[in-house]
Amino acid sequence: MRPAAATIVLGLALAVGAPTAWAVTRPEAAAGPSLDRVLSAPAAPTAAPPGAGTMPPATVRDASPVAVPAPPPPVRIELPGQGITAPVDPVGVAGDGQMELPEDVARVGWYRFGPAPGEPGNAVLAGHVDDREQGAGALFPLREVAAGAEIVVTDATGQATRWRVVSRELVQKQVLPLEALFARDGPPRLVVLTCGGPFLPEYRSYRDNVVVVAEPVADATP
């Protein structure tokens, strides 16, 4: 059973330990159109097939269910313009309701109960921004990603898909649009998250999330 998006709290689990250098060179809070505008954009309309609206001819089908192979999981994410390259691990939901993340800040988690990159809906990847002992995480430079930047995701078969960033926004964790971020239908999108904003010592975490949304590049197969 796949947990509903409403139960996934990307709250205080997206950072551990003490901050490194976020506040030293704080970037602009947003790039590209707003998150709400991007996530609410409808899928591109498709042309109706010939004969639409008429009764189709009767067909005979095997009553046995057809097994649909699961799409290969992502295993690596790269943002060449920011020097980001990191292995990706499938993750689920922790006991406290938060999205699991790899303990190693050099790795990124893919939410395995949602779409894989390239499937309809939002493929969600997230990782720690930093850690007291480990230092800056793989997604630390995410805060500086500009609209138009390229993201490359490689799956377990070695197939790479390319994505173009359309939006980057700093959003307080308490008001993250979880249902929209974890949508399982609609046009394929890639959502990449890490922590950002001011560090809250009492929670040992950051107040906000950096949310990057990217759309597939046409003819993305290299």
N, C-alpha and C. Protein backbone atom coordinates (compact mmCIF):
# COMPACT_ATOMS: atom_id res chain seq x y z
N MET A 1 0.85 -1.19 0.00
CA MET A 1 0.00 0.00 0.00
C MET A 1 0.88 1.24 0.00
N ARG A 2 0.55 2.20 -0.86
CA ARG A 2 1.34 3.43 -0.93
C ARG A 2 0.72 4.48 -0.02
N PRO A 3 1.49 5.06 0.90
CA PRO A 3 0.93 6.06 1.78
C PRO A 3 0.43 7.26 1.01
N ALA A 4 -0.64 7.88 1.49
CA ALA A 4 -1.14 9.10 0.87
C ALA A 4 -0.14 10.23 1.09
N ALA A 5 -0.12 11.17 0.15
CA ALA A 5 0.84 12.27 0.26
C ALA A 5 0.62 13.08 1.53
N ALA A 6 -0.64 13.14 2.00
CA ALA A 6 -0.93 13.94 3.19
C ALA A 6 -0.21 13.44 4.42
N THR A 7 0.19 12.16 4.42
CA THR A 7 0.87 11.62 5.60
C THR A 7 2.37 11.84 5.55
N ILE A 8 2.87 12.36 4.43
CA ILE A 8 4.31 12.54 4.28
C ILE A 8 4.67 13.95 4.71
N VAL A 9 5.37 14.08 5.81
CA VAL A 9 5.74 15.39 6.31
C VAL A 9 7.21 15.62 6.05
N LEU A 10 7.52 16.48 5.11
CA LEU A 10 8.92 16.84 4.87
C LEU A 10 9.28 17.94 5.87
N GLY A 11 9.12 17.61 7.13
CA GLY A 11 9.27 18.61 8.17
C GLY A 11 10.69 18.82 8.59
N LEU A 12 11.07 18.23 9.73
CA LEU A 12 12.36 18.53 10.32
C LEU A 12 13.37 17.42 10.09
N ALA A 13 13.08 16.53 9.15
CA ALA A 13 14.01 15.43 8.90
C ALA A 13 14.97 15.70 7.76
N LEU A 14 14.84 16.85 7.09
CA LEU A 14 15.67 17.09 5.93
C LEU A 14 17.00 17.75 6.28
N ALA A 15 17.35 17.84 7.52
CA ALA A 15 18.68 18.29 7.91
C ALA A 15 18.99 17.71 9.28
N VAL A 16 20.26 17.47 9.54
CA VAL A 16 20.66 16.96 10.84
C VAL A 16 21.89 17.72 11.29
N GLY A 17 22.12 17.70 12.60
CA GLY A 17 23.31 18.37 13.12
C GLY A 17 23.17 19.88 13.06
N ALA A 18 24.29 20.55 12.90
CA ALA A 18 24.33 22.01 12.89
C ALA A 18 24.56 22.50 11.47
N PRO A 19 24.19 23.78 11.18
CA PRO A 19 24.36 24.30 9.83
C PRO A 19 25.82 24.47 9.48
N THR A 20 26.09 24.48 8.18
CA THR A 20 27.46 24.73 7.73
C THR A 20 27.61 26.19 7.33
N ALA A 21 27.21 26.55 6.11
CA ALA A 21 27.46 27.92 5.66
C ALA A 21 26.30 28.49 4.87
N TRP A 22 25.08 28.05 5.14
CA TRP A 22 23.92 28.54 4.40
C TRP A 22 23.81 30.05 4.47
N ALA A 23 23.89 30.61 5.67
CA ALA A 23 23.61 32.03 5.86
C ALA A 23 24.75 32.92 5.37
N VAL A 24 25.90 32.34 5.07
CA VAL A 24 27.03 33.16 4.66
C VAL A 24 26.79 33.77 3.29
N THR A 25 26.29 32.97 2.36
CA THR A 25 26.01 33.45 1.01
C THR A 25 24.59 33.05 0.64
N ARG A 26 23.61 33.67 1.28
CA ARG A 26 22.22 33.29 1.07
C ARG A 26 21.77 33.71 -0.32
N PRO A 27 21.22 32.78 -1.12
CA PRO A 27 20.80 33.10 -2.48
C PRO A 27 19.43 33.75 -2.50
N GLU A 28 19.00 34.15 -3.69
CA GLU A 28 17.63 34.63 -3.85
C GLU A 28 16.68 33.50 -3.50
N ALA A 29 15.50 33.88 -2.96
CA ALA A 29 14.57 32.87 -2.48
C ALA A 29 13.88 32.10 -3.59
N ALA A 30 13.86 32.65 -4.81
CA ALA A 30 13.11 31.98 -5.87
C ALA A 30 13.75 32.25 -7.22
N ALA A 31 13.44 31.35 -8.15
CA ALA A 31 13.85 31.51 -9.54
C ALA A 31 12.78 30.90 -10.41
N GLY A 32 12.39 31.59 -11.49
CA GLY A 32 11.34 31.09 -12.35
C GLY A 32 9.97 31.39 -11.78
N PRO A 33 8.91 30.88 -12.41
CA PRO A 33 7.56 31.10 -11.92
C PRO A 33 7.35 30.47 -10.55
N SER A 34 6.28 30.89 -9.87
CA SER A 34 6.02 30.39 -8.52
C SER A 34 5.72 28.90 -8.53
N LEU A 35 5.96 28.27 -7.37
CA LEU A 35 5.71 26.84 -7.22
C LEU A 35 4.24 26.52 -7.48
N ASP A 36 3.33 27.32 -6.93
CA ASP A 36 1.90 27.08 -7.13
C ASP A 36 1.54 27.10 -8.61
N ARG A 37 2.11 28.06 -9.32
CA ARG A 37 1.79 28.18 -10.75
C ARG A 37 2.31 26.98 -11.53
N VAL A 38 3.52 26.54 -11.22
CA VAL A 38 4.10 25.41 -11.95
C VAL A 38 3.35 24.12 -11.67
N LEU A 39 3.05 23.86 -10.39
CA LEU A 39 2.42 22.59 -10.03
C LEU A 39 0.96 22.52 -10.47
N SER A 40 0.33 23.68 -10.70
CA SER A 40 -1.07 23.67 -11.12
C SER A 40 -1.22 23.69 -12.63
N ALA A 41 -0.11 23.77 -13.37
CA ALA A 41 -0.19 23.79 -14.83
C ALA A 41 -0.76 22.47 -15.34
N PRO A 42 -1.76 22.51 -16.21
CA PRO A 42 -2.36 21.26 -16.72
C PRO A 42 -1.45 20.59 -17.73
N ALA A 43 -1.73 19.33 -17.95
CA ALA A 43 -0.99 18.60 -18.98
C ALA A 43 -1.35 19.14 -20.34
N ALA A 44 -0.42 19.01 -21.29
CA ALA A 44 -0.68 19.48 -22.65
C ALA A 44 -1.81 18.67 -23.25
N PRO A 45 -2.78 19.34 -23.93
CA PRO A 45 -3.91 18.60 -24.52
C PRO A 45 -3.44 17.69 -25.64
N THR A 46 -4.10 16.57 -25.78
CA THR A 46 -3.79 15.63 -26.86
C THR A 46 -4.95 15.55 -27.82
N ALA A 47 -4.67 15.29 -29.08
CA ALA A 47 -5.72 15.22 -30.10
C ALA A 47 -6.55 13.97 -29.91
N ALA A 48 -7.85 14.10 -30.15
CA ALA A 48 -8.74 12.95 -30.05
C ALA A 48 -8.48 12.00 -31.20
N PRO A 49 -8.51 10.69 -30.96
CA PRO A 49 -8.26 9.72 -32.03
C PRO A 49 -9.39 9.71 -33.03
N PRO A 50 -9.16 9.25 -34.27
CA PRO A 50 -10.23 9.15 -35.26
C PRO A 50 -11.39 8.33 -34.74
N GLY A 51 -12.61 8.80 -35.01
CA GLY A 51 -13.80 8.07 -34.59
C GLY A 51 -14.16 8.28 -33.14
N ALA A 52 -13.51 9.26 -32.45
CA ALA A 52 -13.83 9.51 -31.05
C ALA A 52 -15.30 9.88 -30.93
N GLY A 53 -15.95 9.36 -29.91
CA GLY A 53 -17.36 9.64 -29.68
C GLY A 53 -18.28 8.58 -30.28
N THR A 54 -17.74 7.63 -31.03
CA THR A 54 -18.56 6.55 -31.58
C THR A 54 -18.31 5.27 -30.79
N MET A 55 -19.24 4.34 -30.88
CA MET A 55 -19.12 3.08 -30.15
C MET A 55 -18.02 2.21 -30.78
N PRO A 56 -17.01 1.77 -30.01
CA PRO A 56 -15.95 0.94 -30.57
C PRO A 56 -16.45 -0.47 -30.81
N PRO A 57 -15.80 -1.20 -31.71
CA PRO A 57 -16.20 -2.60 -31.95
C PRO A 57 -15.87 -3.47 -30.75
N ALA A 58 -16.64 -4.53 -30.59
CA ALA A 58 -16.41 -5.45 -29.48
C ALA A 58 -15.11 -6.21 -29.70
N THR A 59 -14.40 -6.43 -28.62
CA THR A 59 -13.14 -7.18 -28.69
C THR A 59 -13.14 -8.29 -27.67
N VAL A 60 -12.32 -9.31 -27.91
CA VAL A 60 -12.18 -10.42 -26.98
C VAL A 60 -10.81 -10.34 -26.34
N ARG A 61 -10.76 -10.41 -25.02
CA ARG A 61 -9.50 -10.29 -24.31
C ARG A 61 -9.33 -11.45 -23.33
N ASP A 62 -8.10 -11.78 -23.07
CA ASP A 62 -7.78 -12.81 -22.09
C ASP A 62 -8.19 -12.31 -20.72
N ALA A 63 -8.90 -13.14 -19.97
CA ALA A 63 -9.37 -12.74 -18.65
C ALA A 63 -8.24 -12.67 -17.63
N SER A 64 -7.11 -13.27 -17.93
CA SER A 64 -5.99 -13.27 -16.98
C SER A 64 -5.36 -11.88 -16.91
N PRO A 65 -5.06 -11.38 -15.71
CA PRO A 65 -4.42 -10.07 -15.61
C PRO A 65 -3.03 -10.08 -16.24
N VAL A 66 -2.69 -8.97 -16.85
CA VAL A 66 -1.38 -8.84 -17.49
C VAL A 66 -0.44 -8.13 -16.52
N ALA A 67 0.68 -8.75 -16.24
CA ALA A 67 1.66 -8.15 -15.32
C ALA A 67 2.35 -7.00 -16.02
N VAL A 68 2.36 -5.85 -15.34
CA VAL A 68 3.02 -4.67 -15.88
C VAL A 68 4.37 -4.52 -15.16
N PRO A 69 5.47 -4.59 -15.89
CA PRO A 69 6.77 -4.48 -15.22
C PRO A 69 6.95 -3.11 -14.57
N ALA A 70 7.55 -3.13 -13.40
CA ALA A 70 7.81 -1.88 -12.70
C ALA A 70 8.90 -1.10 -13.43
N PRO A 71 8.78 0.22 -13.49
CA PRO A 71 9.81 1.01 -14.15
C PRO A 71 11.11 0.93 -13.36
N PRO A 72 12.25 1.01 -14.03
CA PRO A 72 13.52 0.94 -13.31
C PRO A 72 13.69 2.16 -12.40
N PRO A 73 14.21 1.95 -11.20
CA PRO A 73 14.38 3.07 -10.27
C PRO A 73 15.55 3.96 -10.68
N PRO A 74 15.51 5.22 -10.29
CA PRO A 74 16.66 6.09 -10.54
C PRO A 74 17.82 5.71 -9.62
N VAL A 75 19.04 5.82 -10.14
CA VAL A 75 20.21 5.47 -9.34
C VAL A 75 21.23 6.61 -9.24
N ARG A 76 21.05 7.67 -10.05
CA ARG A 76 21.99 8.80 -9.98
C ARG A 76 21.31 10.07 -10.47
N ILE A 77 21.64 11.17 -9.79
CA ILE A 77 21.17 12.49 -10.21
C ILE A 77 22.39 13.39 -10.42
N GLU A 78 22.34 14.20 -11.47
CA GLU A 78 23.43 15.13 -11.77
C GLU A 78 22.85 16.49 -12.15
N LEU A 79 23.46 17.53 -11.64
CA LEU A 79 23.19 18.90 -12.08
C LEU A 79 24.54 19.47 -12.51
N PRO A 80 24.91 19.31 -13.77
CA PRO A 80 26.25 19.69 -14.22
C PRO A 80 26.61 21.13 -13.92
N GLY A 81 25.64 22.03 -14.03
CA GLY A 81 25.94 23.44 -13.81
C GLY A 81 26.28 23.79 -12.37
N GLN A 82 25.85 22.95 -11.42
CA GLN A 82 26.12 23.19 -10.00
C GLN A 82 27.14 22.22 -9.45
N GLY A 83 27.68 21.34 -10.27
CA GLY A 83 28.65 20.37 -9.79
C GLY A 83 28.04 19.31 -8.91
N ILE A 84 26.74 19.08 -9.04
CA ILE A 84 26.06 18.06 -8.23
C ILE A 84 26.05 16.73 -8.97
N THR A 85 26.54 15.70 -8.32
CA THR A 85 26.38 14.33 -8.79
C THR A 85 26.29 13.43 -7.56
N ALA A 86 25.24 12.63 -7.50
CA ALA A 86 25.01 11.84 -6.29
C ALA A 86 24.27 10.56 -6.62
N PRO A 87 24.60 9.46 -5.94
CA PRO A 87 23.82 8.23 -6.08
C PRO A 87 22.45 8.42 -5.45
N VAL A 88 21.47 7.70 -5.97
CA VAL A 88 20.08 7.80 -5.50
C VAL A 88 19.64 6.46 -4.94
N ASP A 89 19.03 6.48 -3.75
CA ASP A 89 18.52 5.28 -3.10
C ASP A 89 17.00 5.35 -3.00
N PRO A 90 16.28 4.23 -3.23
CA PRO A 90 14.83 4.23 -3.00
C PRO A 90 14.54 4.32 -1.50
N VAL A 91 13.60 5.18 -1.14
CA VAL A 91 13.24 5.37 0.27
C VAL A 91 11.72 5.38 0.40
N GLY A 92 11.26 5.23 1.64
CA GLY A 92 9.83 5.25 1.91
C GLY A 92 9.48 6.29 2.94
N VAL A 93 8.67 5.87 3.93
CA VAL A 93 8.22 6.76 4.99
C VAL A 93 8.71 6.23 6.32
N ALA A 94 9.32 7.09 7.12
CA ALA A 94 9.81 6.69 8.44
C ALA A 94 8.65 6.52 9.41
N GLY A 95 8.95 5.96 10.58
CA GLY A 95 7.93 5.70 11.58
C GLY A 95 7.21 6.93 12.07
N ASP A 96 7.87 8.10 11.99
CA ASP A 96 7.24 9.34 12.45
C ASP A 96 6.46 10.03 11.34
N GLY A 97 6.31 9.38 10.19
CA GLY A 97 5.52 9.97 9.11
C GLY A 97 6.30 10.83 8.15
N GLN A 98 7.60 11.00 8.39
CA GLN A 98 8.39 11.82 7.51
C GLN A 98 9.03 10.97 6.41
N MET A 99 9.30 11.61 5.29
CA MET A 99 9.97 10.90 4.19
C MET A 99 11.36 10.49 4.65
N GLU A 100 11.69 9.23 4.44
CA GLU A 100 13.02 8.75 4.78
C GLU A 100 14.06 9.41 3.88
N LEU A 101 15.27 9.54 4.43
CA LEU A 101 16.39 10.05 3.65
C LEU A 101 17.62 9.22 3.96
N PRO A 102 18.53 9.04 3.01
CA PRO A 102 19.78 8.35 3.32
C PRO A 102 20.55 9.09 4.41
N GLU A 103 21.13 8.35 5.34
CA GLU A 103 21.91 8.99 6.40
C GLU A 103 23.16 9.65 5.85
N ASP A 104 23.69 9.10 4.79
CA ASP A 104 24.87 9.67 4.14
C ASP A 104 24.42 10.90 3.35
N VAL A 105 24.93 12.09 3.70
CA VAL A 105 24.49 13.32 3.04
C VAL A 105 24.98 13.42 1.61
N ALA A 106 25.88 12.52 1.21
CA ALA A 106 26.35 12.50 -0.17
C ALA A 106 25.40 11.73 -1.08
N ARG A 107 24.33 11.14 -0.50
CA ARG A 107 23.37 10.36 -1.28
C ARG A 107 22.01 11.06 -1.24
N VAL A 108 21.17 10.74 -2.22
CA VAL A 108 19.85 11.35 -2.35
C VAL A 108 18.81 10.24 -2.33
N GLY A 109 17.63 10.51 -1.76
CA GLY A 109 16.56 9.52 -1.71
C GLY A 109 15.50 9.78 -2.76
N TRP A 110 15.00 8.70 -3.35
CA TRP A 110 13.85 8.77 -4.28
C TRP A 110 12.65 8.16 -3.57
N TYR A 111 11.52 8.87 -3.54
CA TYR A 111 10.32 8.38 -2.88
C TYR A 111 9.70 7.26 -3.72
N ARG A 112 9.94 6.02 -3.27
CA ARG A 112 9.61 4.85 -4.09
C ARG A 112 8.12 4.55 -4.16
N PHE A 113 7.29 5.18 -3.33
CA PHE A 113 5.85 4.96 -3.41
C PHE A 113 5.20 5.88 -4.43
N GLY A 114 5.97 6.78 -5.02
CA GLY A 114 5.46 7.67 -6.05
C GLY A 114 6.01 7.28 -7.41
N PRO A 115 5.79 8.12 -8.41
CA PRO A 115 6.26 7.81 -9.76
C PRO A 115 7.79 7.78 -9.85
N ALA A 116 8.29 6.98 -10.78
CA ALA A 116 9.70 7.05 -11.16
C ALA A 116 9.86 8.18 -12.16
N PRO A 117 11.04 8.75 -12.28
CA PRO A 117 11.25 9.83 -13.24
C PRO A 117 10.83 9.43 -14.65
N GLY A 118 9.98 10.24 -15.25
CA GLY A 118 9.47 9.98 -16.59
C GLY A 118 8.07 9.42 -16.62
N GLU A 119 7.58 8.88 -15.49
CA GLU A 119 6.21 8.42 -15.40
C GLU A 119 5.28 9.61 -15.17
N PRO A 120 3.97 9.47 -15.47
CA PRO A 120 3.03 10.55 -15.14
C PRO A 120 3.08 10.87 -13.65
N GLY A 121 2.99 12.14 -13.33
CA GLY A 121 3.06 12.58 -11.95
C GLY A 121 4.45 13.07 -11.58
N ASN A 122 4.64 13.33 -10.29
CA ASN A 122 5.88 13.93 -9.79
C ASN A 122 6.80 12.89 -9.17
N ALA A 123 7.99 12.74 -9.74
CA ALA A 123 9.02 11.91 -9.13
C ALA A 123 9.76 12.79 -8.12
N VAL A 124 9.76 12.37 -6.85
CA VAL A 124 10.30 13.20 -5.77
C VAL A 124 11.64 12.65 -5.29
N LEU A 125 12.66 13.50 -5.32
CA LEU A 125 13.99 13.18 -4.80
C LEU A 125 14.33 14.21 -3.72
N ALA A 126 14.96 13.75 -2.64
CA ALA A 126 15.29 14.66 -1.55
C ALA A 126 16.55 14.20 -0.85
N GLY A 127 17.25 15.14 -0.22
CA GLY A 127 18.46 14.80 0.51
C GLY A 127 18.81 15.84 1.55
N HIS A 128 19.66 15.46 2.48
CA HIS A 128 20.12 16.39 3.52
C HIS A 128 20.95 17.50 2.90
N VAL A 129 20.80 18.71 3.45
CA VAL A 129 21.61 19.83 2.98
C VAL A 129 23.01 19.79 3.58
N ASP A 130 23.13 19.33 4.84
CA ASP A 130 24.43 19.25 5.50
C ASP A 130 24.32 18.43 6.78
N ASP A 131 25.45 18.27 7.45
CA ASP A 131 25.51 17.53 8.70
C ASP A 131 26.72 18.00 9.49
N ARG A 132 26.63 17.96 10.82
CA ARG A 132 27.72 18.45 11.66
C ARG A 132 29.03 17.73 11.37
N GLU A 133 28.97 16.40 11.27
CA GLU A 133 30.19 15.63 11.04
C GLU A 133 30.53 15.51 9.55
N GLN A 134 29.52 15.34 8.71
CA GLN A 134 29.77 15.05 7.30
C GLN A 134 29.97 16.30 6.44
N GLY A 135 29.55 17.45 6.94
CA GLY A 135 29.69 18.68 6.16
C GLY A 135 28.55 18.86 5.18
N ALA A 136 28.80 19.61 4.11
CA ALA A 136 27.77 19.92 3.12
C ALA A 136 27.30 18.67 2.40
N GLY A 137 25.99 18.59 2.16
CA GLY A 137 25.42 17.45 1.46
C GLY A 137 25.48 17.63 -0.05
N ALA A 138 25.12 16.57 -0.76
CA ALA A 138 25.17 16.61 -2.23
C ALA A 138 24.27 17.70 -2.79
N LEU A 139 23.14 17.97 -2.12
CA LEU A 139 22.19 18.94 -2.63
C LEU A 139 22.39 20.34 -2.05
N PHE A 140 23.50 20.57 -1.36
CA PHE A 140 23.76 21.92 -0.81
C PHE A 140 23.68 23.00 -1.89
N PRO A 141 24.23 22.78 -3.11
CA PRO A 141 24.16 23.83 -4.13
C PRO A 141 22.78 24.02 -4.75
N LEU A 142 21.79 23.21 -4.35
CA LEU A 142 20.46 23.31 -4.94
C LEU A 142 19.87 24.70 -4.74
N ARG A 143 20.27 25.38 -3.69
CA ARG A 143 19.74 26.71 -3.37
C ARG A 143 20.09 27.76 -4.41
N GLU A 144 21.07 27.45 -5.29
CA GLU A 144 21.51 28.42 -6.29
C GLU A 144 21.11 28.02 -7.71
N VAL A 145 20.33 26.96 -7.86
CA VAL A 145 19.94 26.50 -9.19
C VAL A 145 19.03 27.55 -9.85
N ALA A 146 19.32 27.85 -11.09
CA ALA A 146 18.54 28.83 -11.84
C ALA A 146 17.54 28.14 -12.76
N ALA A 147 16.46 28.85 -13.09
CA ALA A 147 15.53 28.34 -14.09
C ALA A 147 16.28 28.12 -15.39
N GLY A 148 16.02 27.00 -16.04
CA GLY A 148 16.71 26.65 -17.27
C GLY A 148 17.87 25.69 -17.07
N ALA A 149 18.30 25.48 -15.81
CA ALA A 149 19.40 24.56 -15.54
C ALA A 149 19.00 23.14 -15.89
N GLU A 150 19.98 22.33 -16.25
CA GLU A 150 19.73 20.95 -16.65
C GLU A 150 19.95 19.98 -15.48
N ILE A 151 19.07 18.99 -15.39
CA ILE A 151 19.21 17.89 -14.44
C ILE A 151 19.22 16.60 -15.26
N VAL A 152 20.13 15.71 -14.93
CA VAL A 152 20.20 14.40 -15.60
C VAL A 152 19.96 13.32 -14.56
N VAL A 153 19.01 12.44 -14.83
CA VAL A 153 18.71 11.32 -13.93
C VAL A 153 18.97 10.02 -14.69
N THR A 154 19.77 9.15 -14.10
CA THR A 154 20.08 7.86 -14.71
C THR A 154 19.40 6.75 -13.93
N ASP A 155 18.77 5.81 -14.65
CA ASP A 155 18.07 4.73 -13.95
C ASP A 155 18.93 3.47 -13.89
N ALA A 156 18.36 2.42 -13.32
CA ALA A 156 19.12 1.19 -13.06
C ALA A 156 19.53 0.47 -14.33
N THR A 157 18.93 0.80 -15.46
CA THR A 157 19.32 0.18 -16.73
C THR A 157 20.41 0.97 -17.45
N GLY A 158 20.78 2.12 -16.89
CA GLY A 158 21.76 2.98 -17.54
C GLY A 158 21.14 4.02 -18.43
N GLN A 159 19.80 4.04 -18.53
CA GLN A 159 19.11 5.03 -19.36
C GLN A 159 19.08 6.37 -18.64
N ALA A 160 19.42 7.45 -19.35
CA ALA A 160 19.42 8.79 -18.76
C ALA A 160 18.27 9.61 -19.32
N THR A 161 17.59 10.34 -18.43
CA THR A 161 16.58 11.30 -18.85
C THR A 161 17.07 12.69 -18.46
N ARG A 162 16.74 13.66 -19.30
CA ARG A 162 17.19 15.04 -19.06
C ARG A 162 15.99 15.92 -18.74
N TRP A 163 16.22 16.83 -17.81
CA TRP A 163 15.16 17.68 -17.29
C TRP A 163 15.64 19.13 -17.28
N ARG A 164 14.70 20.05 -17.44
CA ARG A 164 15.02 21.46 -17.37
C ARG A 164 14.28 22.10 -16.20
N VAL A 165 15.02 22.79 -15.34
CA VAL A 165 14.43 23.44 -14.17
C VAL A 165 13.51 24.57 -14.62
N VAL A 166 12.28 24.55 -14.10
CA VAL A 166 11.33 25.62 -14.41
C VAL A 166 11.07 26.50 -13.21
N SER A 167 11.38 26.01 -12.01
CA SER A 167 11.09 26.81 -10.81
C SER A 167 11.97 26.36 -9.65
N ARG A 168 12.41 27.34 -8.86
CA ARG A 168 13.06 27.07 -7.58
C ARG A 168 12.49 28.04 -6.56
N GLU A 169 12.05 27.49 -5.42
CA GLU A 169 11.42 28.35 -4.41
C GLU A 169 11.78 27.87 -3.02
N LEU A 170 11.92 28.82 -2.11
CA LEU A 170 12.15 28.54 -0.70
C LEU A 170 10.80 28.59 0.01
N VAL A 171 10.37 27.47 0.60
CA VAL A 171 9.04 27.36 1.18
C VAL A 171 9.15 26.89 2.61
N GLN A 172 8.42 27.54 3.53
CA GLN A 172 8.40 27.08 4.91
C GLN A 172 7.80 25.68 4.98
N LYS A 173 8.43 24.82 5.78
CA LYS A 173 8.02 23.42 5.83
C LYS A 173 6.57 23.24 6.26
N GLN A 174 6.10 24.14 7.13
CA GLN A 174 4.73 24.00 7.63
C GLN A 174 3.68 24.25 6.55
N VAL A 175 4.06 24.90 5.44
CA VAL A 175 3.07 25.22 4.42
C VAL A 175 3.42 24.57 3.07
N LEU A 176 4.26 23.55 3.08
CA LEU A 176 4.56 22.86 1.84
C LEU A 176 3.29 22.27 1.24
N PRO A 177 3.06 22.45 -0.07
CA PRO A 177 1.87 21.87 -0.71
C PRO A 177 2.09 20.39 -1.01
N LEU A 178 1.99 19.55 0.03
CA LEU A 178 2.37 18.15 -0.09
C LEU A 178 1.58 17.39 -1.15
N GLU A 179 0.27 17.62 -1.21
CA GLU A 179 -0.54 16.90 -2.19
C GLU A 179 -0.06 17.21 -3.60
N ALA A 180 0.26 18.46 -3.86
CA ALA A 180 0.72 18.84 -5.19
C ALA A 180 2.12 18.32 -5.46
N LEU A 181 3.01 18.38 -4.45
CA LEU A 181 4.38 17.93 -4.64
C LEU A 181 4.45 16.44 -4.91
N PHE A 182 3.58 15.65 -4.27
CA PHE A 182 3.62 14.20 -4.40
C PHE A 182 2.53 13.67 -5.34
N ALA A 183 2.08 14.51 -6.26
CA ALA A 183 1.02 14.09 -7.20
C ALA A 183 1.45 12.86 -7.98
N ARG A 184 0.52 11.92 -8.14
CA ARG A 184 0.79 10.68 -8.86
C ARG A 184 0.18 10.67 -10.25
N ASP A 185 -0.38 11.80 -10.66
CA ASP A 185 -0.91 11.89 -12.02
C ASP A 185 -0.53 13.25 -12.59
N GLY A 186 -0.94 13.50 -13.82
CA GLY A 186 -0.57 14.73 -14.48
C GLY A 186 0.70 14.55 -15.30
N PRO A 187 1.23 15.63 -15.84
CA PRO A 187 2.42 15.52 -16.68
C PRO A 187 3.63 15.09 -15.86
N PRO A 188 4.59 14.39 -16.47
CA PRO A 188 5.80 13.99 -15.73
C PRO A 188 6.58 15.22 -15.27
N ARG A 189 6.95 15.22 -14.01
CA ARG A 189 7.79 16.28 -13.46
C ARG A 189 8.80 15.66 -12.50
N LEU A 190 9.87 16.38 -12.28
CA LEU A 190 10.87 15.99 -11.30
C LEU A 190 10.87 17.04 -10.20
N VAL A 191 10.71 16.60 -8.94
CA VAL A 191 10.74 17.50 -7.79
C VAL A 191 11.94 17.13 -6.93
N VAL A 192 12.81 18.09 -6.67
CA VAL A 192 14.02 17.86 -5.89
C VAL A 192 14.00 18.80 -4.69
N LEU A 193 14.20 18.24 -3.48
CA LEU A 193 14.10 19.04 -2.26
C LEU A 193 15.30 18.85 -1.36
N THR A 194 15.60 19.92 -0.63
CA THR A 194 16.54 19.85 0.48
C THR A 194 16.15 20.95 1.46
N CYS A 195 16.90 21.12 2.52
CA CYS A 195 16.57 22.14 3.51
C CYS A 195 17.17 23.49 3.13
N GLY A 196 16.64 24.54 3.73
CA GLY A 196 17.13 25.88 3.48
C GLY A 196 16.57 26.87 4.48
N GLY A 197 16.89 28.15 4.28
CA GLY A 197 16.42 29.19 5.19
C GLY A 197 17.18 29.21 6.49
N PRO A 198 16.65 29.90 7.51
CA PRO A 198 17.35 30.00 8.79
C PRO A 198 17.38 28.67 9.53
N PHE A 199 18.46 28.44 10.27
CA PHE A 199 18.60 27.24 11.08
C PHE A 199 17.92 27.46 12.43
N LEU A 200 17.16 26.45 12.89
CA LEU A 200 16.44 26.53 14.16
C LEU A 200 17.12 25.59 15.15
N PRO A 201 17.96 26.12 16.05
CA PRO A 201 18.72 25.25 16.96
C PRO A 201 17.84 24.36 17.82
N GLU A 202 16.66 24.86 18.22
CA GLU A 202 15.80 24.07 19.10
C GLU A 202 15.28 22.81 18.42
N TYR A 203 15.23 22.82 17.08
CA TYR A 203 14.79 21.66 16.33
C TYR A 203 15.93 20.95 15.61
N ARG A 204 17.12 21.52 15.69
CA ARG A 204 18.29 20.99 14.99
C ARG A 204 17.99 20.82 13.50
N SER A 205 17.34 21.79 12.93
CA SER A 205 16.97 21.73 11.53
C SER A 205 16.73 23.13 10.98
N TYR A 206 16.54 23.19 9.67
CA TYR A 206 16.23 24.46 9.01
C TYR A 206 14.73 24.69 8.96
N ARG A 207 14.35 25.95 8.85
CA ARG A 207 12.93 26.30 8.84
C ARG A 207 12.23 25.94 7.53
N ASP A 208 12.98 26.01 6.41
CA ASP A 208 12.37 25.92 5.10
C ASP A 208 12.88 24.73 4.29
N ASN A 209 12.25 24.53 3.15
CA ASN A 209 12.75 23.60 2.13
C ASN A 209 13.02 24.36 0.85
N VAL A 210 14.11 23.99 0.20
CA VAL A 210 14.36 24.44 -1.17
C VAL A 210 13.65 23.45 -2.08
N VAL A 211 12.74 23.95 -2.91
CA VAL A 211 11.95 23.09 -3.79
C VAL A 211 12.28 23.45 -5.24
N VAL A 212 12.79 22.49 -5.98
CA VAL A 212 13.10 22.68 -7.39
C VAL A 212 12.18 21.78 -8.21
N VAL A 213 11.54 22.35 -9.21
CA VAL A 213 10.66 21.59 -10.10
C VAL A 213 11.25 21.65 -11.50
N ALA A 214 11.33 20.48 -12.16
CA ALA A 214 11.88 20.41 -13.51
C ALA A 214 10.94 19.61 -14.40
N GLU A 215 10.97 19.93 -15.69
CA GLU A 215 10.15 19.23 -16.68
C GLU A 215 11.05 18.51 -17.67
N PRO A 216 10.57 17.42 -18.25
CA PRO A 216 11.41 16.65 -19.17
C PRO A 216 11.78 17.42 -20.42
N VAL A 217 12.99 17.21 -20.90
CA VAL A 217 13.43 17.79 -22.15
C VAL A 217 13.01 16.86 -23.27
N ALA A 218 12.41 17.42 -24.32
CA ALA A 218 11.95 16.61 -25.44
C ALA A 218 13.13 15.87 -26.07
N ASP A 219 12.85 14.65 -26.51
CA ASP A 219 13.89 13.81 -27.13
C ASP A 219 15.10 13.71 -26.20
N ALA A 220 14.80 13.32 -24.93
CA ALA A 220 15.82 13.36 -23.89
C ALA A 220 16.82 12.23 -23.96
N THR A 221 16.56 11.19 -24.73
CA THR A 221 17.50 10.07 -24.76
C THR A 221 18.81 10.48 -25.38
N PRO A 222 19.96 10.36 -24.69
CA PRO A 222 21.23 10.79 -25.23
C PRO A 222 21.71 9.86 -26.34
